[in-house]
């Protein structure tokens, strides 16, 4: 492990560069954050419902297949 005198200047330069780059970032406004958050939440519910329907349908289909072949009792 290097002594602190050797890694401190590079670490300091790194954090200075991070600070400069963070000032260049175009941060979204409150309304944009709220709008995109609502879109993500709604999309999650829609995809969740879709996956629930597909999973239920496939489970029903496999259950009927097992009953038809005699693997599972009716």
PDB file of N, CA and C in Angstrom:
ATOM      1  N   UNK A   1       0.844  -1.179   0.000  1.00  0.00           N
ATOM      2  CA  UNK A   1       0.000   0.000   0.000  1.00  0.00           C
ATOM      3  C   UNK A   1       0.888   1.240   0.000  1.00  0.00           C
ATOM      4  N   UNK A   2       0.475   2.207  -0.793  1.00  0.00           N
ATOM      5  CA  UNK A   2       1.273   3.423  -0.902  1.00  0.00           C
ATOM      6  C   UNK A   2       1.045   4.327   0.309  1.00  0.00           C
ATOM      7  N   UNK A   3       2.042   5.079   0.671  1.00  0.00           N
ATOM      8  CA  UNK A   3       1.862   6.045   1.755  1.00  0.00           C
ATOM      9  C   UNK A   3       0.869   7.134   1.334  1.00  0.00           C
ATOM     10  N   UNK A   4       0.258   7.760   2.306  1.00  0.00           N
ATOM     11  CA  UNK A   4      -0.770   8.761   2.047  1.00  0.00           C
ATOM     12  C   UNK A   4      -0.245   9.937   1.216  1.00  0.00           C
ATOM     13  N   UNK A   5       1.005  10.247   1.335  1.00  0.00           N
ATOM     14  CA  UNK A   5       1.572  11.372   0.581  1.00  0.00           C
ATOM     15  C   UNK A   5       1.584  11.095  -0.921  1.00  0.00           C
ATOM     16  N   UNK A   6       1.587   9.815  -1.295  1.00  0.00           N
ATOM     17  CA  UNK A   6       1.630   9.471  -2.710  1.00  0.00           C
ATOM     18  C   UNK A   6       0.248   9.438  -3.356  1.00  0.00           C
ATOM     19  N   UNK A   7      -0.780   8.992  -2.630  1.00  0.00           N
ATOM     20  CA  UNK A   7      -2.086   8.887  -3.259  1.00  0.00           C
ATOM     21  C   UNK A   7      -2.981  10.086  -2.999  1.00  0.00           C
ATOM     22  N   UNK A   8      -2.659  10.907  -2.041  1.00  0.00           N
ATOM     23  CA  UNK A   8      -3.520  12.047  -1.746  1.00  0.00           C
ATOM     24  C   UNK A   8      -3.629  13.050  -2.906  1.00  0.00           C
ATOM     25  N   UNK A   9      -2.554  13.425  -3.586  1.00  0.00           N
ATOM     26  CA  UNK A   9      -2.705  14.382  -4.698  1.00  0.00           C
ATOM     27  C   UNK A   9      -3.592  13.855  -5.830  1.00  0.00           C
ATOM     28  N   UNK A  10      -3.462  12.575  -6.177  1.00  0.00           N
ATOM     29  CA  UNK A  10      -4.301  12.047  -7.248  1.00  0.00           C
ATOM     30  C   UNK A  10      -5.761  11.951  -6.813  1.00  0.00           C
ATOM     31  N   UNK A  11      -5.980  11.618  -5.561  1.00  0.00           N
ATOM     32  CA  UNK A  11      -7.346  11.561  -5.047  1.00  0.00           C
ATOM     33  C   UNK A  11      -7.967  12.950  -5.037  1.00  0.00           C
ATOM     34  N   UNK A  12      -7.214  13.931  -4.619  1.00  0.00           N
ATOM     35  CA  UNK A  12      -7.690  15.314  -4.591  1.00  0.00           C
ATOM     36  C   UNK A  12      -8.019  15.788  -6.008  1.00  0.00           C
ATOM     37  N   UNK A  13      -7.143  15.472  -6.965  1.00  0.00           N
ATOM     38  CA  UNK A  13      -7.399  15.849  -8.358  1.00  0.00           C
ATOM     39  C   UNK A  13      -8.657  15.161  -8.896  1.00  0.00           C
ATOM     40  N   UNK A  14      -8.833  13.913  -8.528  1.00  0.00           N
ATOM     41  CA  UNK A  14     -10.025  13.188  -8.964  1.00  0.00           C
ATOM     42  C   UNK A  14     -11.288  13.873  -8.482  1.00  0.00           C
ATOM     43  N   UNK A  15     -11.347  14.205  -7.185  1.00  0.00           N
ATOM     44  CA  UNK A  15     -12.543  14.850  -6.638  1.00  0.00           C
ATOM     45  C   UNK A  15     -12.735  16.248  -7.210  1.00  0.00           C
ATOM     46  N   UNK A  16     -11.675  16.931  -7.507  1.00  0.00           N
ATOM     47  CA  UNK A  16     -11.782  18.245  -8.139  1.00  0.00           C
ATOM     48  C   UNK A  16     -12.387  18.106  -9.537  1.00  0.00           C
ATOM     49  N   UNK A  17     -11.935  17.109 -10.283  1.00  0.00           N
ATOM     50  CA  UNK A  17     -12.474  16.866 -11.623  1.00  0.00           C
ATOM     51  C   UNK A  17     -13.946  16.455 -11.565  1.00  0.00           C
ATOM     52  N   UNK A  18     -14.296  15.659 -10.579  1.00  0.00           N
ATOM     53  CA  UNK A  18     -15.694  15.262 -10.409  1.00  0.00           C
ATOM     54  C   UNK A  18     -16.548  16.492 -10.142  1.00  0.00           C
ATOM     55  N   UNK A  19     -16.079  17.387  -9.290  1.00  0.00           N
ATOM     56  CA  UNK A  19     -16.820  18.609  -8.959  1.00  0.00           C
ATOM     57  C   UNK A  19     -17.027  19.466 -10.215  1.00  0.00           C
ATOM     58  N   UNK A  20     -15.994  19.590 -11.036  1.00  0.00           N
ATOM     59  CA  UNK A  20     -16.091  20.387 -12.271  1.00  0.00           C
ATOM     60  C   UNK A  20     -17.108  19.752 -13.222  1.00  0.00           C
ATOM     61  N   UNK A  21     -17.064  18.429 -13.371  1.00  0.00           N
ATOM     62  CA  UNK A  21     -17.990  17.751 -14.278  1.00  0.00           C
ATOM     63  C   UNK A  21     -19.427  17.829 -13.772  1.00  0.00           C
ATOM     64  N   UNK A  22     -19.606  17.769 -12.465  1.00  0.00           N
ATOM     65  CA  UNK A  22     -20.960  17.846 -11.902  1.00  0.00           C
ATOM     66  C   UNK A  22     -21.586  19.218 -12.146  1.00  0.00           C
ATOM     67  N   UNK A  23     -20.771  20.249 -12.233  1.00  0.00           N
ATOM     68  CA  UNK A  23     -21.289  21.586 -12.539  1.00  0.00           C
ATOM     69  C   UNK A  23     -21.786  21.677 -13.975  1.00  0.00           C
ATOM     70  N   UNK A  24     -21.274  20.814 -14.861  1.00  0.00           N
ATOM     71  CA  UNK A  24     -21.662  20.830 -16.274  1.00  0.00           C
ATOM     72  C   UNK A  24     -22.962  20.062 -16.531  1.00  0.00           C
ATOM     73  N   UNK A  25     -23.403  19.289 -15.562  1.00  0.00           N
ATOM     74  CA  UNK A  25     -24.578  18.445 -15.750  1.00  0.00           C
ATOM     75  C   UNK A  25     -25.833  19.310 -15.833  1.00  0.00           C
ATOM     76  N   UNK A  26     -26.701  18.957 -16.771  1.00  0.00           N
ATOM     77  CA  UNK A  26     -27.988  19.633 -16.895  1.00  0.00           C
ATOM     78  C   UNK A  26     -29.000  18.838 -16.075  1.00  0.00           C
ATOM     79  N   UNK A  27     -29.289  19.315 -14.869  1.00  0.00           N
ATOM     80  CA  UNK A  27     -30.174  18.599 -13.968  1.00  0.00           C
ATOM     81  C   UNK A  27     -31.622  18.854 -14.346  1.00  0.00           C
ATOM     82  N   UNK A  28     -32.479  17.829 -14.295  1.00  0.00           N
ATOM     83  CA  UNK A  28     -33.891  18.015 -14.646  1.00  0.00           C
ATOM     84  C   UNK A  28     -34.616  18.825 -13.568  1.00  0.00           C
ATOM     85  N   UNK A  29     -35.659  19.506 -14.010  1.00  0.00           N
ATOM     86  CA  UNK A  29     -36.468  20.273 -13.072  1.00  0.00           C
ATOM     87  C   UNK A  29     -37.434  19.375 -12.311  1.00  0.00           C
ATOM     88  N   UNK A  30     -38.096  19.949 -11.335  1.00  0.00           N
ATOM     89  CA  UNK A  30     -39.021  19.189 -10.489  1.00  0.00           C
ATOM     90  C   UNK A  30     -40.154  18.574 -11.311  1.00  0.00           C
ATOM     91  N   UNK A  31     -40.734  19.356 -12.224  1.00  0.00           N
ATOM     92  CA  UNK A  31     -41.843  18.848 -13.035  1.00  0.00           C
ATOM     93  C   UNK A  31     -41.404  17.695 -13.933  1.00  0.00           C
ATOM     94  N   UNK A  32     -40.211  17.775 -14.476  1.00  0.00           N
ATOM     95  CA  UNK A  32     -39.706  16.693 -15.326  1.00  0.00           C
ATOM     96  C   UNK A  32     -39.477  15.417 -14.512  1.00  0.00           C
ATOM     97  N   UNK A  33     -38.957  15.565 -13.316  1.00  0.00           N
ATOM     98  CA  UNK A  33     -38.725  14.400 -12.456  1.00  0.00           C
ATOM     99  C   UNK A  33     -40.053  13.749 -12.077  1.00  0.00           C
ATOM    100  N   UNK A  34     -41.032  14.567 -11.715  1.00  0.00           N
ATOM    101  CA  UNK A  34     -42.346  14.027 -11.347  1.00  0.00           C
ATOM    102  C   UNK A  34     -42.980  13.337 -12.546  1.00  0.00           C
ATOM    103  N   UNK A  35     -42.917  13.963 -13.712  1.00  0.00           N
ATOM    104  CA  UNK A  35     -43.510  13.383 -14.909  1.00  0.00           C
ATOM    105  C   UNK A  35     -42.895  12.055 -15.293  1.00  0.00           C
ATOM    106  N   UNK A  36     -41.587  11.983 -15.303  1.00  0.00           N
ATOM    107  CA  UNK A  36     -40.932  10.727 -15.673  1.00  0.00           C
ATOM    108  C   UNK A  36     -41.144   9.654 -14.605  1.00  0.00           C
ATOM    109  N   UNK A  37     -41.228  10.058 -13.341  1.00  0.00           N
ATOM    110  CA  UNK A  37     -41.492   9.088 -12.271  1.00  0.00           C
ATOM    111  C   UNK A  37     -42.880   8.480 -12.430  1.00  0.00           C
ATOM    112  N   UNK A  38     -43.863   9.304 -12.774  1.00  0.00           N
ATOM    113  CA  UNK A  38     -45.221   8.799 -12.985  1.00  0.00           C
ATOM    114  C   UNK A  38     -45.243   7.827 -14.161  1.00  0.00           C
ATOM    115  N   UNK A  39     -44.549   8.161 -15.233  1.00  0.00           N
ATOM    116  CA  UNK A  39     -44.488   7.269 -16.397  1.00  0.00           C
ATOM    117  C   UNK A  39     -43.881   5.924 -16.004  1.00  0.00           C
ATOM    118  N   UNK A  40     -42.814   5.943 -15.242  1.00  0.00           N
ATOM    119  CA  UNK A  40     -42.157   4.692 -14.827  1.00  0.00           C
ATOM    120  C   UNK A  40     -43.079   3.869 -13.936  1.00  0.00           C
ATOM    121  N   UNK A  41     -43.749   4.500 -12.986  1.00  0.00           N
ATOM    122  CA  UNK A  41     -44.642   3.768 -12.076  1.00  0.00           C
ATOM    123  C   UNK A  41     -45.806   3.154 -12.846  1.00  0.00           C
ATOM    124  N   UNK A  42     -46.412   3.925 -13.741  1.00  0.00           N
ATOM    125  CA  UNK A  42     -47.523   3.400 -14.542  1.00  0.00           C
ATOM    126  C   UNK A  42     -47.040   2.246 -15.426  1.00  0.00           C
ATOM    127  N   UNK A  43     -45.885   2.396 -16.054  1.00  0.00           N
ATOM    128  CA  UNK A  43     -45.350   1.331 -16.895  1.00  0.00           C
ATOM    129  C   UNK A  43     -45.097   0.063 -16.077  1.00  0.00           C
ATOM    130  N   UNK A  44     -44.613   0.205 -14.865  1.00  0.00           N
ATOM    131  CA  UNK A  44     -44.384  -0.965 -14.003  1.00  0.00           C
ATOM    132  C   UNK A  44     -45.689  -1.686 -13.701  1.00  0.00           C
ATOM    133  N   UNK A  45     -46.751  -0.926 -13.413  1.00  0.00           N
ATOM    134  CA  UNK A  45     -48.043  -1.556 -13.150  1.00  0.00           C
ATOM    135  C   UNK A  45     -48.586  -2.243 -14.400  1.00  0.00           C
ATOM    136  N   UNK A  46     -48.457  -1.621 -15.561  1.00  0.00           N
ATOM    137  CA  UNK A  46     -48.945  -2.220 -16.801  1.00  0.00           C
ATOM    138  C   UNK A  46     -48.189  -3.510 -17.113  1.00  0.00           C
ATOM    139  N   UNK A  47     -46.858  -3.468 -17.038  1.00  0.00           N
ATOM    140  CA  UNK A  47     -46.076  -4.677 -17.308  1.00  0.00           C
ATOM    141  C   UNK A  47     -46.333  -5.747 -16.257  1.00  0.00           C
ATOM    142  N   UNK A  48     -46.495  -5.342 -15.007  1.00  0.00           N
ATOM    143  CA  UNK A  48     -46.798  -6.305 -13.954  1.00  0.00           C
ATOM    144  C   UNK A  48     -48.123  -7.009 -14.202  1.00  0.00           C
ATOM    145  N   UNK A  49     -49.152  -6.239 -14.590  1.00  0.00           N
ATOM    146  CA  UNK A  49     -50.455  -6.829 -14.890  1.00  0.00           C
ATOM    147  C   UNK A  49     -50.357  -7.760 -16.091  1.00  0.00           C
ATOM    148  N   UNK A  50     -49.645  -7.323 -17.122  1.00  0.00           N
ATOM    149  CA  UNK A  50     -49.456  -8.153 -18.317  1.00  0.00           C
ATOM    150  C   UNK A  50     -48.780  -9.477 -17.951  1.00  0.00           C
ATOM    151  N   UNK A  51     -47.716  -9.409 -17.173  1.00  0.00           N
ATOM    152  CA  UNK A  51     -47.015 -10.635 -16.784  1.00  0.00           C
ATOM    153  C   UNK A  51     -47.888 -11.528 -15.907  1.00  0.00           C
ATOM    154  N   UNK A  52     -48.721 -10.922 -15.059  1.00  0.00           N
ATOM    155  CA  UNK A  52     -49.654 -11.698 -14.244  1.00  0.00           C
ATOM    156  C   UNK A  52     -50.634 -12.457 -15.127  1.00  0.00           C
ATOM    157  N   UNK A  53     -51.184 -11.782 -16.143  1.00  0.00           N
ATOM    158  CA  UNK A  53     -52.144 -12.421 -17.045  1.00  0.00           C
ATOM    159  C   UNK A  53     -51.477 -13.551 -17.826  1.00  0.00           C
ATOM    160  N   UNK A  54     -50.295 -13.300 -18.360  1.00  0.00           N
ATOM    161  CA  UNK A  54     -49.588 -14.334 -19.125  1.00  0.00           C
ATOM    162  C   UNK A  54     -49.237 -15.512 -18.224  1.00  0.00           C
ATOM    163  N   UNK A  55     -48.752 -15.254 -17.028  1.00  0.00           N
ATOM    164  CA  UNK A  55     -48.387 -16.326 -16.100  1.00  0.00           C
ATOM    165  C   UNK A  55     -49.615 -17.141 -15.709  1.00  0.00           C
ATOM    166  N   UNK A  56     -50.710 -16.475 -15.426  1.00  0.00           N
ATOM    167  CA  UNK A  56     -51.936 -17.190 -15.062  1.00  0.00           C
ATOM    168  C   UNK A  56     -52.433 -18.037 -16.230  1.00  0.00           C
ATOM    169  N   UNK A  57     -52.389 -17.482 -17.423  1.00  0.00           N
ATOM    170  CA  UNK A  57     -52.827 -18.227 -18.601  1.00  0.00           C
ATOM    171  C   UNK A  57     -51.964 -19.454 -18.853  1.00  0.00           C
ATOM    172  N   UNK A  58     -50.663 -19.292 -18.753  1.00  0.00           N
ATOM    173  CA  UNK A  58     -49.766 -20.440 -18.962  1.00  0.00           C
ATOM    174  C   UNK A  58     -49.933 -21.486 -17.861  1.00  0.00           C
ATOM    175  N   UNK A  59     -50.140 -21.051 -16.628  1.00  0.00           N
ATOM    176  CA  UNK A  59     -50.358 -22.007 -15.535  1.00  0.00           C
ATOM    177  C   UNK A  59     -51.639 -22.794 -15.778  1.00  0.00           C
ATOM    178  N   UNK A  60     -52.697 -22.108 -16.219  1.00  0.00           N
ATOM    179  CA  UNK A  60     -53.959 -22.787 -16.520  1.00  0.00           C
ATOM    180  C   UNK A  60     -53.766 -23.781 -17.663  1.00  0.00           C
ATOM    181  N   UNK A  61     -53.048 -23.343 -18.704  1.00  0.00           N
ATOM    182  CA  UNK A  61     -52.816 -24.206 -19.866  1.00  0.00           C
ATOM    183  C   UNK A  61     -52.004 -25.446 -19.491  1.00  0.00           C
ATOM    184  N   UNK A  62     -50.975 -25.293 -18.714  1.00  0.00           N
ATOM    185  CA  UNK A  62     -50.145 -26.431 -18.291  1.00  0.00           C
ATOM    186  C   UNK A  62     -50.947 -27.350 -17.378  1.00  0.00           C
ATOM    187  N   UNK A  63     -51.779 -26.767 -16.506  1.00  0.00           N
ATOM    188  CA  UNK A  63     -52.630 -27.571 -15.633  1.00  0.00           C
ATOM    189  C   UNK A  63     -53.587 -28.415 -16.466  1.00  0.00           C
ATOM    190  N   UNK A  64     -54.225 -27.824 -17.465  1.00  0.00           N
ATOM    191  CA  UNK A  64     -55.134 -28.563 -18.348  1.00  0.00           C
ATOM    192  C   UNK A  64     -54.382 -29.645 -19.125  1.00  0.00           C
ATOM    193  N   UNK A  65     -53.165 -29.340 -19.536  1.00  0.00           N
ATOM    194  CA  UNK A  65     -52.351 -30.327 -20.256  1.00  0.00           C
ATOM    195  C   UNK A  65     -52.026 -31.517 -19.362  1.00  0.00           C
ATOM    196  N   UNK A  66     -51.660 -31.254 -18.129  1.00  0.00           N
ATOM    197  CA  UNK A  66     -51.352 -32.350 -17.196  1.00  0.00           C
ATOM    198  C   UNK A  66     -52.587 -33.189 -16.895  1.00  0.00           C
ATOM    199  N   UNK A  67     -53.739 -32.522 -16.754  1.00  0.00           N
ATOM    200  CA  UNK A  67     -54.971 -33.266 -16.497  1.00  0.00           C
ATOM    201  C   UNK A  67     -55.321 -34.121 -17.703  1.00  0.00           C
ATOM    202  N   UNK A  68     -55.177 -33.585 -18.913  1.00  0.00           N
ATOM    203  CA  UNK A  68     -55.512 -34.311 -20.129  1.00  0.00           C
ATOM    204  C   UNK A  68     -54.611 -35.525 -20.348  1.00  0.00           C
ATOM    205  N   UNK A  69     -53.358 -35.431 -19.950  1.00  0.00           N
ATOM    206  CA  UNK A  69     -52.437 -36.560 -20.134  1.00  0.00           C
ATOM    207  C   UNK A  69     -52.459 -37.533 -18.967  1.00  0.00           C
ATOM    208  N   UNK A  70     -53.174 -37.187 -17.903  1.00  0.00           N
ATOM    209  CA  UNK A  70     -53.279 -38.091 -16.750  1.00  0.00           C
ATOM    210  C   UNK A  70     -52.147 -37.957 -15.769  1.00  0.00           C
ATOM    211  N   UNK A  71     -51.279 -36.966 -15.927  1.00  0.00           N
ATOM    212  CA  UNK A  71     -50.168 -36.780 -14.998  1.00  0.00           C
ATOM    213  C   UNK A  71     -50.663 -36.248 -13.665  1.00  0.00           C
ATOM    214  N   UNK A  72     -51.637 -35.361 -13.726  1.00  0.00           N
ATOM    215  CA  UNK A  72     -52.197 -34.782 -12.501  1.00  0.00           C
ATOM    216  C   UNK A  72     -53.663 -35.201 -12.403  1.00  0.00           C
ATOM    217  N   UNK A  73     -54.131 -35.474 -11.191  1.00  0.00           N
ATOM    218  CA  UNK A  73     -55.534 -35.855 -11.034  1.00  0.00           C
ATOM    219  C   UNK A  73     -56.453 -34.659 -11.281  1.00  0.00           C
ATOM    220  N   UNK A  74     -57.634 -34.920 -11.750  1.00  0.00           N
ATOM    221  CA  UNK A  74     -58.598 -33.857 -12.066  1.00  0.00           C
ATOM    222  C   UNK A  74     -59.258 -33.301 -10.866  1.00  0.00           C
TER     223      UNK A  74
END
